N, C-alpha and C. Protein backbone atom coordinates (compact mmCIF):
# COMPACT_ATOMS: atom_id res chain seq x y z
N UNK A 1 22.38 60.13 -5.15
CA UNK A 1 21.60 59.19 -4.38
C UNK A 1 21.84 57.76 -4.93
N UNK A 2 21.86 57.61 -6.25
CA UNK A 2 22.04 56.32 -6.85
C UNK A 2 23.40 55.72 -6.49
N UNK A 3 24.45 56.60 -6.44
CA UNK A 3 25.81 56.15 -6.09
C UNK A 3 25.85 55.66 -4.67
N UNK A 4 25.17 56.35 -3.77
CA UNK A 4 25.11 55.93 -2.36
C UNK A 4 24.45 54.56 -2.20
N UNK A 5 23.37 54.34 -2.94
CA UNK A 5 22.63 53.05 -2.87
C UNK A 5 23.51 51.93 -3.40
N UNK A 6 24.23 52.21 -4.53
CA UNK A 6 25.10 51.23 -5.17
C UNK A 6 26.25 50.90 -4.22
N UNK A 7 26.87 51.90 -3.62
CA UNK A 7 27.95 51.69 -2.68
C UNK A 7 27.47 50.87 -1.47
N UNK A 8 26.28 51.16 -1.01
CA UNK A 8 25.69 50.43 0.13
C UNK A 8 25.48 48.97 -0.24
N UNK A 9 25.00 48.68 -1.42
CA UNK A 9 24.80 47.31 -1.85
C UNK A 9 26.14 46.59 -1.98
N UNK A 10 27.14 47.26 -2.51
CA UNK A 10 28.47 46.64 -2.65
C UNK A 10 29.05 46.37 -1.25
N UNK A 11 28.87 47.29 -0.33
CA UNK A 11 29.38 47.10 1.04
C UNK A 11 28.69 45.91 1.70
N UNK A 12 27.38 45.80 1.59
CA UNK A 12 26.63 44.72 2.18
C UNK A 12 27.09 43.38 1.55
N UNK A 13 27.19 43.33 0.22
CA UNK A 13 27.64 42.13 -0.49
C UNK A 13 29.03 41.73 -0.04
N UNK A 14 29.94 42.69 0.08
CA UNK A 14 31.34 42.40 0.48
C UNK A 14 31.35 41.85 1.91
N UNK A 15 30.57 42.43 2.80
CA UNK A 15 30.53 41.92 4.19
C UNK A 15 29.94 40.49 4.21
N UNK A 16 28.95 40.22 3.42
CA UNK A 16 28.35 38.89 3.35
C UNK A 16 29.39 37.88 2.88
N UNK A 17 30.15 38.20 1.82
CA UNK A 17 31.18 37.30 1.32
C UNK A 17 32.25 37.03 2.36
N UNK A 18 32.71 38.09 3.07
CA UNK A 18 33.72 37.93 4.08
C UNK A 18 33.20 37.05 5.23
N UNK A 19 31.99 37.30 5.70
CA UNK A 19 31.44 36.46 6.79
C UNK A 19 31.32 35.02 6.32
N UNK A 20 30.88 34.82 5.07
CA UNK A 20 30.68 33.43 4.60
C UNK A 20 32.04 32.73 4.49
N UNK A 21 33.10 33.46 4.06
CA UNK A 21 34.42 32.88 3.95
C UNK A 21 34.97 32.52 5.33
N UNK A 22 34.77 33.41 6.31
CA UNK A 22 35.22 33.14 7.69
C UNK A 22 34.51 31.92 8.27
N UNK A 23 33.21 31.81 7.97
CA UNK A 23 32.43 30.68 8.50
C UNK A 23 32.59 29.39 7.66
N UNK A 24 33.27 29.51 6.52
CA UNK A 24 33.45 28.38 5.68
C UNK A 24 32.23 28.04 4.81
N UNK A 25 31.32 28.98 4.71
CA UNK A 25 30.08 28.76 3.95
C UNK A 25 30.13 29.34 2.53
N UNK A 26 31.31 29.83 2.09
CA UNK A 26 31.34 30.47 0.81
C UNK A 26 31.08 29.45 -0.32
N UNK A 27 31.47 28.21 -0.13
CA UNK A 27 31.16 27.21 -1.16
C UNK A 27 29.66 26.90 -1.23
N UNK A 28 28.95 27.04 -0.11
CA UNK A 28 27.52 26.78 -0.12
C UNK A 28 26.80 27.77 -1.00
N UNK A 29 27.32 28.99 -1.11
CA UNK A 29 26.66 30.01 -1.92
C UNK A 29 27.11 29.97 -3.38
N UNK A 30 28.37 29.73 -3.62
CA UNK A 30 28.86 29.84 -4.98
C UNK A 30 29.02 28.49 -5.68
N UNK A 31 29.25 27.45 -4.95
CA UNK A 31 29.44 26.12 -5.53
C UNK A 31 28.32 25.18 -5.09
N UNK A 32 27.11 25.52 -5.48
CA UNK A 32 25.92 24.73 -5.08
C UNK A 32 25.26 24.17 -6.35
N UNK A 33 26.11 23.38 -7.10
CA UNK A 33 25.58 22.92 -8.39
C UNK A 33 24.46 21.88 -8.24
N UNK A 34 23.67 21.79 -9.24
CA UNK A 34 22.64 20.75 -9.26
C UNK A 34 23.36 19.46 -9.50
N UNK A 35 23.09 18.46 -8.69
CA UNK A 35 23.75 17.14 -8.77
C UNK A 35 23.31 16.46 -10.03
N UNK A 36 24.30 16.02 -10.86
CA UNK A 36 23.97 15.29 -12.07
C UNK A 36 23.82 13.76 -11.82
N UNK A 37 24.44 13.25 -10.76
CA UNK A 37 24.24 11.87 -10.37
C UNK A 37 23.05 11.84 -9.43
N UNK A 38 22.02 11.12 -9.83
CA UNK A 38 20.81 11.01 -9.03
C UNK A 38 20.98 10.11 -7.85
N UNK A 39 20.61 10.59 -6.68
CA UNK A 39 20.58 9.80 -5.48
C UNK A 39 19.15 9.51 -5.04
N UNK A 40 18.18 10.19 -5.67
CA UNK A 40 16.79 10.06 -5.21
C UNK A 40 15.84 9.90 -6.43
N UNK A 41 14.75 9.21 -6.17
CA UNK A 41 13.57 9.21 -7.09
C UNK A 41 12.42 9.74 -6.36
N UNK A 42 11.72 10.66 -6.97
CA UNK A 42 10.54 11.29 -6.34
C UNK A 42 9.33 11.04 -7.19
N UNK A 43 8.15 10.81 -6.52
CA UNK A 43 6.91 10.63 -7.25
C UNK A 43 5.77 11.14 -6.41
N UNK A 44 4.63 11.39 -7.11
CA UNK A 44 3.44 11.83 -6.42
C UNK A 44 2.22 11.14 -7.09
N UNK A 45 1.29 10.73 -6.25
CA UNK A 45 0.04 10.16 -6.72
C UNK A 45 -1.09 10.85 -5.93
N UNK A 46 -2.13 11.18 -6.63
CA UNK A 46 -3.26 11.86 -5.95
C UNK A 46 -4.56 11.07 -6.18
N UNK A 47 -5.35 10.94 -5.15
CA UNK A 47 -6.61 10.27 -5.23
C UNK A 47 -7.72 11.28 -5.66
N UNK A 48 -8.86 10.80 -6.14
CA UNK A 48 -9.92 11.73 -6.52
C UNK A 48 -10.38 12.64 -5.43
N UNK A 49 -10.03 12.35 -4.18
CA UNK A 49 -10.43 13.23 -3.06
C UNK A 49 -9.41 14.31 -2.77
N UNK A 50 -8.46 14.48 -3.66
CA UNK A 50 -7.37 15.45 -3.52
C UNK A 50 -6.37 15.08 -2.40
N UNK A 51 -6.41 13.85 -1.93
CA UNK A 51 -5.42 13.40 -0.99
C UNK A 51 -4.24 12.90 -1.83
N UNK A 52 -3.09 13.45 -1.66
CA UNK A 52 -1.90 13.10 -2.45
C UNK A 52 -0.90 12.37 -1.57
N UNK A 53 -0.15 11.48 -2.21
CA UNK A 53 0.90 10.71 -1.55
C UNK A 53 2.20 11.00 -2.23
N UNK A 54 3.11 11.65 -1.50
CA UNK A 54 4.49 11.97 -2.04
C UNK A 54 5.41 10.87 -1.55
N UNK A 55 6.26 10.37 -2.46
CA UNK A 55 7.25 9.36 -2.09
C UNK A 55 8.59 9.78 -2.56
N UNK A 56 9.59 9.61 -1.69
CA UNK A 56 10.99 9.94 -2.03
C UNK A 56 11.84 8.72 -1.69
N UNK A 57 12.49 8.11 -2.72
CA UNK A 57 13.30 6.91 -2.52
C UNK A 57 14.77 7.26 -2.67
N UNK A 58 15.58 6.86 -1.72
CA UNK A 58 17.01 6.98 -1.79
C UNK A 58 17.53 5.84 -2.65
N UNK A 59 17.99 6.14 -3.88
CA UNK A 59 18.54 5.10 -4.76
C UNK A 59 20.01 5.02 -4.70
N UNK A 60 20.60 5.78 -3.77
CA UNK A 60 22.05 5.74 -3.54
C UNK A 60 22.42 4.60 -2.59
N UNK A 61 23.67 4.49 -2.37
CA UNK A 61 24.17 3.39 -1.46
C UNK A 61 24.60 3.92 -0.10
N UNK A 62 24.23 5.14 0.24
CA UNK A 62 24.58 5.75 1.52
C UNK A 62 23.35 6.50 2.08
N UNK A 63 23.30 6.69 3.37
CA UNK A 63 22.17 7.48 3.96
C UNK A 63 22.37 8.94 3.68
N UNK A 64 21.28 9.67 3.50
CA UNK A 64 21.31 11.13 3.28
C UNK A 64 20.29 11.76 4.19
N UNK A 65 20.59 12.99 4.59
CA UNK A 65 19.66 13.82 5.37
C UNK A 65 19.05 14.84 4.42
N UNK A 66 17.74 14.78 4.25
CA UNK A 66 17.03 15.61 3.27
C UNK A 66 16.33 16.78 3.98
N UNK A 67 16.56 17.98 3.48
CA UNK A 67 15.89 19.18 4.04
C UNK A 67 14.42 19.10 3.58
N UNK A 68 13.50 19.08 4.54
CA UNK A 68 12.08 18.90 4.24
C UNK A 68 11.41 20.20 3.72
N UNK A 69 11.99 21.34 4.01
CA UNK A 69 11.36 22.62 3.79
C UNK A 69 10.77 22.83 2.39
N UNK A 70 11.49 22.49 1.37
CA UNK A 70 11.05 22.80 -0.04
C UNK A 70 10.39 21.59 -0.70
N UNK A 71 9.89 20.63 0.07
CA UNK A 71 9.32 19.42 -0.47
C UNK A 71 7.96 19.18 0.15
N UNK A 72 7.21 18.21 -0.38
CA UNK A 72 5.95 17.83 0.26
C UNK A 72 6.13 17.18 1.62
N UNK A 73 7.38 16.89 2.05
CA UNK A 73 7.62 16.40 3.40
C UNK A 73 7.47 17.46 4.45
N UNK A 74 7.42 18.71 4.05
CA UNK A 74 7.28 19.83 4.98
C UNK A 74 6.00 19.68 5.83
N UNK A 75 6.15 19.68 7.15
CA UNK A 75 5.02 19.50 8.06
C UNK A 75 4.04 20.63 8.00
N UNK A 76 4.54 21.85 7.89
CA UNK A 76 3.61 23.01 7.95
C UNK A 76 2.80 23.20 6.65
N UNK A 77 3.42 22.97 5.52
CA UNK A 77 2.72 23.24 4.28
C UNK A 77 3.52 22.52 3.18
N UNK A 78 2.91 21.56 2.48
CA UNK A 78 3.66 20.88 1.39
C UNK A 78 4.17 21.87 0.36
N UNK A 79 5.42 21.71 -0.01
CA UNK A 79 6.03 22.60 -1.01
C UNK A 79 6.53 21.74 -2.17
N UNK A 80 7.07 22.40 -3.17
CA UNK A 80 7.62 21.69 -4.32
C UNK A 80 6.60 21.16 -5.29
N UNK A 81 5.39 21.78 -5.32
CA UNK A 81 4.34 21.33 -6.21
C UNK A 81 4.00 22.44 -7.22
N UNK A 82 3.57 21.98 -8.40
CA UNK A 82 3.03 22.88 -9.38
C UNK A 82 1.59 22.43 -9.54
N UNK A 83 0.66 23.34 -9.19
CA UNK A 83 -0.75 23.05 -9.26
C UNK A 83 -1.42 24.08 -10.18
N UNK A 84 -2.19 23.58 -11.15
CA UNK A 84 -2.87 24.48 -12.08
C UNK A 84 -4.34 24.13 -12.12
N UNK A 85 -5.14 25.11 -12.54
CA UNK A 85 -6.57 24.93 -12.85
C UNK A 85 -6.78 25.54 -14.19
N UNK A 86 -7.24 24.74 -15.16
CA UNK A 86 -7.47 25.18 -16.53
C UNK A 86 -6.25 25.89 -17.10
N UNK A 87 -5.07 25.34 -16.81
CA UNK A 87 -3.80 25.88 -17.35
C UNK A 87 -3.19 27.06 -16.60
N UNK A 88 -3.90 27.56 -15.62
CA UNK A 88 -3.36 28.71 -14.89
C UNK A 88 -2.83 28.24 -13.52
N UNK A 89 -1.60 28.69 -13.20
CA UNK A 89 -0.97 28.26 -11.93
C UNK A 89 -1.75 28.80 -10.75
N UNK A 90 -2.00 27.92 -9.76
CA UNK A 90 -2.70 28.34 -8.56
C UNK A 90 -1.65 28.65 -7.50
N UNK A 91 -1.93 29.69 -6.72
CA UNK A 91 -1.09 30.06 -5.62
C UNK A 91 -1.61 29.36 -4.38
N UNK A 92 -0.68 29.10 -3.42
CA UNK A 92 -1.13 28.53 -2.15
C UNK A 92 -2.00 29.48 -1.41
N UNK A 93 -3.02 28.95 -0.73
CA UNK A 93 -3.83 29.79 0.12
C UNK A 93 -3.21 29.81 1.48
N UNK A 94 -3.58 30.77 2.29
CA UNK A 94 -2.99 30.90 3.61
C UNK A 94 -1.96 32.01 3.63
N UNK A 95 -1.31 32.11 4.78
CA UNK A 95 -0.29 33.13 4.99
C UNK A 95 1.06 32.61 4.55
N UNK A 96 1.72 33.31 3.56
CA UNK A 96 3.05 32.85 3.15
C UNK A 96 4.10 33.16 4.25
N UNK A 97 5.03 32.25 4.37
CA UNK A 97 6.14 32.47 5.32
C UNK A 97 7.27 33.14 4.54
N UNK A 98 7.65 34.31 4.99
CA UNK A 98 8.64 35.12 4.27
C UNK A 98 10.05 34.91 4.85
N UNK A 99 10.16 34.57 6.08
CA UNK A 99 11.50 34.48 6.71
C UNK A 99 12.14 33.17 6.42
N UNK A 100 13.39 33.25 5.92
CA UNK A 100 14.18 32.04 5.66
C UNK A 100 15.22 31.96 6.74
N UNK A 101 15.13 30.93 7.56
CA UNK A 101 16.11 30.71 8.59
C UNK A 101 17.03 29.57 8.16
N UNK A 102 18.23 29.58 8.70
CA UNK A 102 19.13 28.43 8.45
C UNK A 102 18.50 27.16 9.03
N UNK A 103 18.54 26.06 8.30
CA UNK A 103 17.91 24.83 8.82
C UNK A 103 18.66 24.27 10.03
N UNK A 104 17.88 23.72 10.94
CA UNK A 104 18.41 23.03 12.12
C UNK A 104 18.16 21.53 11.93
N UNK A 105 18.70 20.72 12.86
CA UNK A 105 18.61 19.29 12.72
C UNK A 105 17.22 18.74 12.54
N UNK A 106 16.21 19.34 13.21
CA UNK A 106 14.83 18.84 13.13
C UNK A 106 14.16 19.18 11.78
N UNK A 107 14.83 19.98 10.95
CA UNK A 107 14.29 20.31 9.62
C UNK A 107 14.69 19.26 8.56
N UNK A 108 15.38 18.21 8.98
CA UNK A 108 15.86 17.17 8.04
C UNK A 108 15.19 15.84 8.31
N UNK A 109 15.08 15.04 7.26
CA UNK A 109 14.56 13.68 7.33
C UNK A 109 15.69 12.78 6.88
N UNK A 110 16.08 11.81 7.66
CA UNK A 110 17.12 10.87 7.29
C UNK A 110 16.50 9.80 6.41
N UNK A 111 17.09 9.54 5.27
CA UNK A 111 16.60 8.51 4.34
C UNK A 111 17.75 7.54 4.15
N UNK A 112 17.60 6.34 4.68
CA UNK A 112 18.64 5.29 4.58
C UNK A 112 18.78 4.84 3.14
N UNK A 113 19.91 4.25 2.82
CA UNK A 113 20.12 3.71 1.45
C UNK A 113 19.07 2.69 1.11
N UNK A 114 18.41 2.85 -0.02
CA UNK A 114 17.35 1.98 -0.46
C UNK A 114 15.99 2.20 0.17
N UNK A 115 15.93 3.10 1.14
CA UNK A 115 14.66 3.33 1.87
C UNK A 115 13.79 4.38 1.11
N UNK A 116 12.51 4.35 1.43
CA UNK A 116 11.54 5.32 0.89
C UNK A 116 10.82 6.02 2.04
N UNK A 117 10.73 7.32 1.98
CA UNK A 117 9.90 8.06 2.91
C UNK A 117 8.71 8.61 2.15
N UNK A 118 7.58 8.77 2.86
CA UNK A 118 6.42 9.27 2.16
C UNK A 118 5.58 10.11 3.10
N UNK A 119 4.74 10.91 2.50
CA UNK A 119 3.86 11.77 3.26
C UNK A 119 2.56 11.95 2.45
N UNK A 120 1.46 11.76 3.16
CA UNK A 120 0.11 12.05 2.53
C UNK A 120 -0.31 13.43 2.98
N UNK A 121 -0.93 14.15 2.08
CA UNK A 121 -1.45 15.48 2.43
C UNK A 121 -2.68 15.76 1.59
N UNK A 122 -3.51 16.67 2.08
CA UNK A 122 -4.74 17.06 1.42
C UNK A 122 -4.45 18.32 0.59
N UNK A 123 -4.47 18.18 -0.71
CA UNK A 123 -4.18 19.30 -1.61
C UNK A 123 -5.19 20.42 -1.42
N UNK A 124 -6.44 20.09 -1.09
CA UNK A 124 -7.45 21.15 -0.91
C UNK A 124 -7.25 21.99 0.29
N UNK A 125 -6.39 21.55 1.22
CA UNK A 125 -6.09 22.40 2.40
C UNK A 125 -5.07 23.50 2.07
N UNK A 126 -4.37 23.39 0.92
CA UNK A 126 -3.39 24.39 0.54
C UNK A 126 -3.79 25.16 -0.70
N UNK A 127 -4.68 24.62 -1.52
CA UNK A 127 -5.06 25.27 -2.76
C UNK A 127 -6.58 25.32 -2.86
N UNK A 128 -7.11 26.33 -3.52
CA UNK A 128 -8.56 26.45 -3.67
C UNK A 128 -8.98 25.49 -4.80
N UNK A 129 -9.57 24.38 -4.41
CA UNK A 129 -10.04 23.35 -5.36
C UNK A 129 -11.56 23.32 -5.46
N UNK A 130 -12.20 24.37 -5.03
CA UNK A 130 -13.68 24.41 -5.00
C UNK A 130 -14.27 24.87 -6.31
N UNK A 131 -13.50 25.40 -7.22
CA UNK A 131 -13.98 25.92 -8.49
C UNK A 131 -13.89 24.77 -9.54
N UNK A 132 -14.98 24.53 -10.27
CA UNK A 132 -14.95 23.51 -11.32
C UNK A 132 -13.84 23.86 -12.35
N UNK A 133 -13.21 22.79 -12.88
CA UNK A 133 -12.19 23.00 -13.91
C UNK A 133 -11.27 21.78 -13.95
N UNK A 134 -10.27 21.89 -14.80
CA UNK A 134 -9.28 20.84 -14.96
C UNK A 134 -8.04 21.17 -14.10
N UNK A 135 -7.78 20.36 -13.10
CA UNK A 135 -6.68 20.58 -12.19
C UNK A 135 -5.50 19.64 -12.55
N UNK A 136 -4.28 20.16 -12.47
CA UNK A 136 -3.09 19.32 -12.61
C UNK A 136 -2.21 19.51 -11.43
N UNK A 137 -1.57 18.43 -11.01
CA UNK A 137 -0.63 18.45 -9.91
C UNK A 137 0.64 17.73 -10.36
N UNK A 138 1.78 18.38 -10.15
CA UNK A 138 3.06 17.79 -10.54
C UNK A 138 4.12 18.24 -9.53
N UNK A 139 5.17 17.42 -9.37
CA UNK A 139 6.29 17.83 -8.59
C UNK A 139 7.16 18.81 -9.37
N UNK A 140 7.67 19.82 -8.73
CA UNK A 140 8.63 20.74 -9.35
C UNK A 140 9.43 21.30 -8.16
N UNK A 141 10.50 20.60 -7.79
CA UNK A 141 11.20 20.99 -6.56
C UNK A 141 12.71 20.78 -6.68
N UNK A 142 13.42 21.53 -5.89
CA UNK A 142 14.84 21.33 -5.71
C UNK A 142 15.05 20.67 -4.38
N UNK A 143 15.58 19.48 -4.36
CA UNK A 143 15.79 18.69 -3.19
C UNK A 143 17.19 18.99 -2.68
N UNK A 144 17.25 19.55 -1.44
CA UNK A 144 18.56 19.85 -0.80
C UNK A 144 18.83 18.77 0.19
N UNK A 145 20.07 18.26 0.19
CA UNK A 145 20.40 17.18 1.07
C UNK A 145 21.91 17.18 1.37
N UNK A 146 22.24 16.39 2.40
CA UNK A 146 23.66 16.21 2.74
C UNK A 146 23.90 14.75 3.06
N UNK A 147 25.12 14.32 2.89
CA UNK A 147 25.52 12.95 3.15
C UNK A 147 25.46 12.66 4.63
N UNK A 148 24.98 11.51 5.00
CA UNK A 148 24.98 11.08 6.36
C UNK A 148 23.69 11.38 7.12
N UNK A 149 23.75 11.11 8.39
CA UNK A 149 22.57 11.30 9.29
C UNK A 149 22.79 12.55 10.11
N UNK A 150 21.85 13.44 10.03
CA UNK A 150 21.88 14.65 10.89
C UNK A 150 21.32 14.24 12.22
N UNK A 151 22.04 14.54 13.27
CA UNK A 151 21.56 14.19 14.60
C UNK A 151 21.48 15.42 15.50
N UNK A 152 20.36 15.59 16.13
CA UNK A 152 20.17 16.72 17.08
C UNK A 152 21.05 16.54 18.30
N UNK A 153 21.48 15.32 18.56
CA UNK A 153 22.35 15.06 19.71
C UNK A 153 23.70 15.76 19.57
N UNK A 154 24.22 15.80 18.34
CA UNK A 154 25.55 16.36 18.13
C UNK A 154 25.50 17.77 17.60
N UNK A 155 24.32 18.24 17.16
CA UNK A 155 24.25 19.59 16.57
C UNK A 155 23.00 20.30 17.05
N UNK A 156 22.74 20.36 18.37
CA UNK A 156 21.52 21.04 18.81
C UNK A 156 21.64 22.57 18.60
N UNK A 157 20.68 23.14 17.90
CA UNK A 157 20.66 24.58 17.67
C UNK A 157 21.65 25.07 16.70
N UNK A 158 22.48 24.23 16.10
CA UNK A 158 23.52 24.67 15.18
C UNK A 158 22.93 24.60 13.74
N UNK A 159 23.03 25.72 13.01
CA UNK A 159 22.55 25.69 11.61
C UNK A 159 23.32 24.69 10.79
N UNK A 160 22.62 24.04 9.85
CA UNK A 160 23.21 23.04 8.96
C UNK A 160 22.93 23.49 7.56
N UNK A 161 23.92 23.38 6.70
CA UNK A 161 23.79 23.85 5.30
C UNK A 161 23.87 22.61 4.39
N UNK A 162 22.77 22.25 3.69
CA UNK A 162 22.85 21.14 2.76
C UNK A 162 23.85 21.48 1.62
N UNK A 163 24.63 20.47 1.21
CA UNK A 163 25.70 20.70 0.23
C UNK A 163 25.32 20.15 -1.14
N UNK A 164 24.23 19.39 -1.25
CA UNK A 164 23.87 18.78 -2.53
C UNK A 164 22.47 19.20 -2.95
N UNK A 165 22.29 19.26 -4.25
CA UNK A 165 21.01 19.72 -4.78
C UNK A 165 20.61 18.91 -6.02
N UNK A 166 19.35 18.47 -6.05
CA UNK A 166 18.83 17.76 -7.25
C UNK A 166 17.49 18.39 -7.58
N UNK A 167 17.21 18.54 -8.84
CA UNK A 167 15.89 19.02 -9.29
C UNK A 167 15.05 17.77 -9.60
N UNK A 168 13.80 17.79 -9.12
CA UNK A 168 12.88 16.70 -9.42
C UNK A 168 11.55 17.27 -9.93
N UNK A 169 11.06 16.58 -10.99
CA UNK A 169 9.73 16.94 -11.48
C UNK A 169 9.05 15.60 -11.79
N UNK A 170 7.76 15.66 -12.05
CA UNK A 170 6.99 14.42 -12.29
C UNK A 170 5.97 14.69 -13.39
N UNK A 171 5.46 13.61 -13.97
CA UNK A 171 4.34 13.81 -14.89
C UNK A 171 3.14 14.33 -14.08
N UNK A 172 2.33 15.13 -14.76
CA UNK A 172 1.16 15.73 -14.09
C UNK A 172 0.07 14.70 -13.87
N UNK A 173 -0.54 14.76 -12.71
CA UNK A 173 -1.76 14.00 -12.42
C UNK A 173 -2.90 15.01 -12.61
N UNK A 174 -3.93 14.63 -13.37
CA UNK A 174 -5.01 15.58 -13.71
C UNK A 174 -6.32 15.16 -13.12
N UNK A 175 -7.04 16.16 -12.61
CA UNK A 175 -8.39 15.94 -12.09
C UNK A 175 -9.35 16.87 -12.85
N UNK A 176 -10.54 16.40 -13.09
CA UNK A 176 -11.56 17.22 -13.70
C UNK A 176 -12.64 17.41 -12.62
N UNK A 177 -12.88 18.65 -12.21
CA UNK A 177 -13.94 18.94 -11.23
C UNK A 177 -15.11 19.56 -11.96
N UNK A 178 -16.25 18.91 -11.92
CA UNK A 178 -17.48 19.38 -12.51
C UNK A 178 -18.54 19.42 -11.41
N UNK A 179 -18.84 20.59 -10.98
CA UNK A 179 -19.78 20.69 -9.81
C UNK A 179 -19.23 19.95 -8.67
N UNK A 180 -19.95 18.92 -8.18
CA UNK A 180 -19.50 18.15 -7.10
C UNK A 180 -18.91 16.79 -7.60
N UNK A 181 -18.93 16.61 -8.92
CA UNK A 181 -18.39 15.39 -9.52
C UNK A 181 -16.91 15.56 -9.74
N UNK A 182 -16.15 14.51 -9.52
CA UNK A 182 -14.72 14.55 -9.69
C UNK A 182 -14.24 13.31 -10.41
N UNK A 183 -13.45 13.45 -11.45
CA UNK A 183 -12.87 12.29 -12.09
C UNK A 183 -11.34 12.51 -12.15
N UNK A 184 -10.65 11.40 -12.20
CA UNK A 184 -9.17 11.46 -12.21
C UNK A 184 -8.67 11.02 -13.57
N UNK A 185 -7.67 11.76 -14.02
CA UNK A 185 -7.04 11.41 -15.30
C UNK A 185 -5.52 11.61 -15.06
N UNK A 186 -4.73 10.83 -15.78
CA UNK A 186 -3.29 11.01 -15.72
C UNK A 186 -2.79 11.15 -17.14
N UNK A 187 -2.09 12.22 -17.39
CA UNK A 187 -1.55 12.52 -18.72
C UNK A 187 -2.65 12.49 -19.80
N UNK A 188 -3.79 12.95 -19.47
CA UNK A 188 -4.89 13.10 -20.41
C UNK A 188 -5.64 11.78 -20.72
N UNK A 189 -5.26 10.66 -20.05
CA UNK A 189 -5.95 9.39 -20.33
C UNK A 189 -6.77 9.04 -19.08
N UNK A 190 -7.91 8.45 -19.34
CA UNK A 190 -8.81 7.99 -18.25
C UNK A 190 -8.08 6.93 -17.48
N UNK A 191 -8.08 7.00 -16.18
CA UNK A 191 -7.44 5.97 -15.33
C UNK A 191 -8.39 4.80 -15.10
């Protein structure tokens, strides 16, 4: 039984590699290194009301199309955050999306050279912030992007594969929730 399962896995893997080579996507799977040259700066700031402002600045000299899915730019649910309460990681509330589809043109945000895109979101709509304790919020995300402007005019319904990857993290912003009182701290110092 174990041999049959192993052979099945090898067969599926082989078929995947062949299909990816035929489609020209084999580099996307095997050569997807984390970019050492930074093209972006990411930051997050949160107000005492748990409203956070994510900013992403293109520090490169060319426009890039950023995949919003794994970042706070995601319209459905901000991603790329590490949120803790009293040192324990909090999970997002709500129904997790399990299906990963290939991104389409509307899943990208074009960021011109030198430009900044931002998004405000309510942290309490994604995480349970009703329990008193010390909360920290920090960025911890892999930014996937590709050179140039993705246009739905030229690629409607066609999957697009980002070719560049950068990891971004930020210093933690800390909140202390005591009953209904809320104070903000950053890196352990009173703001």
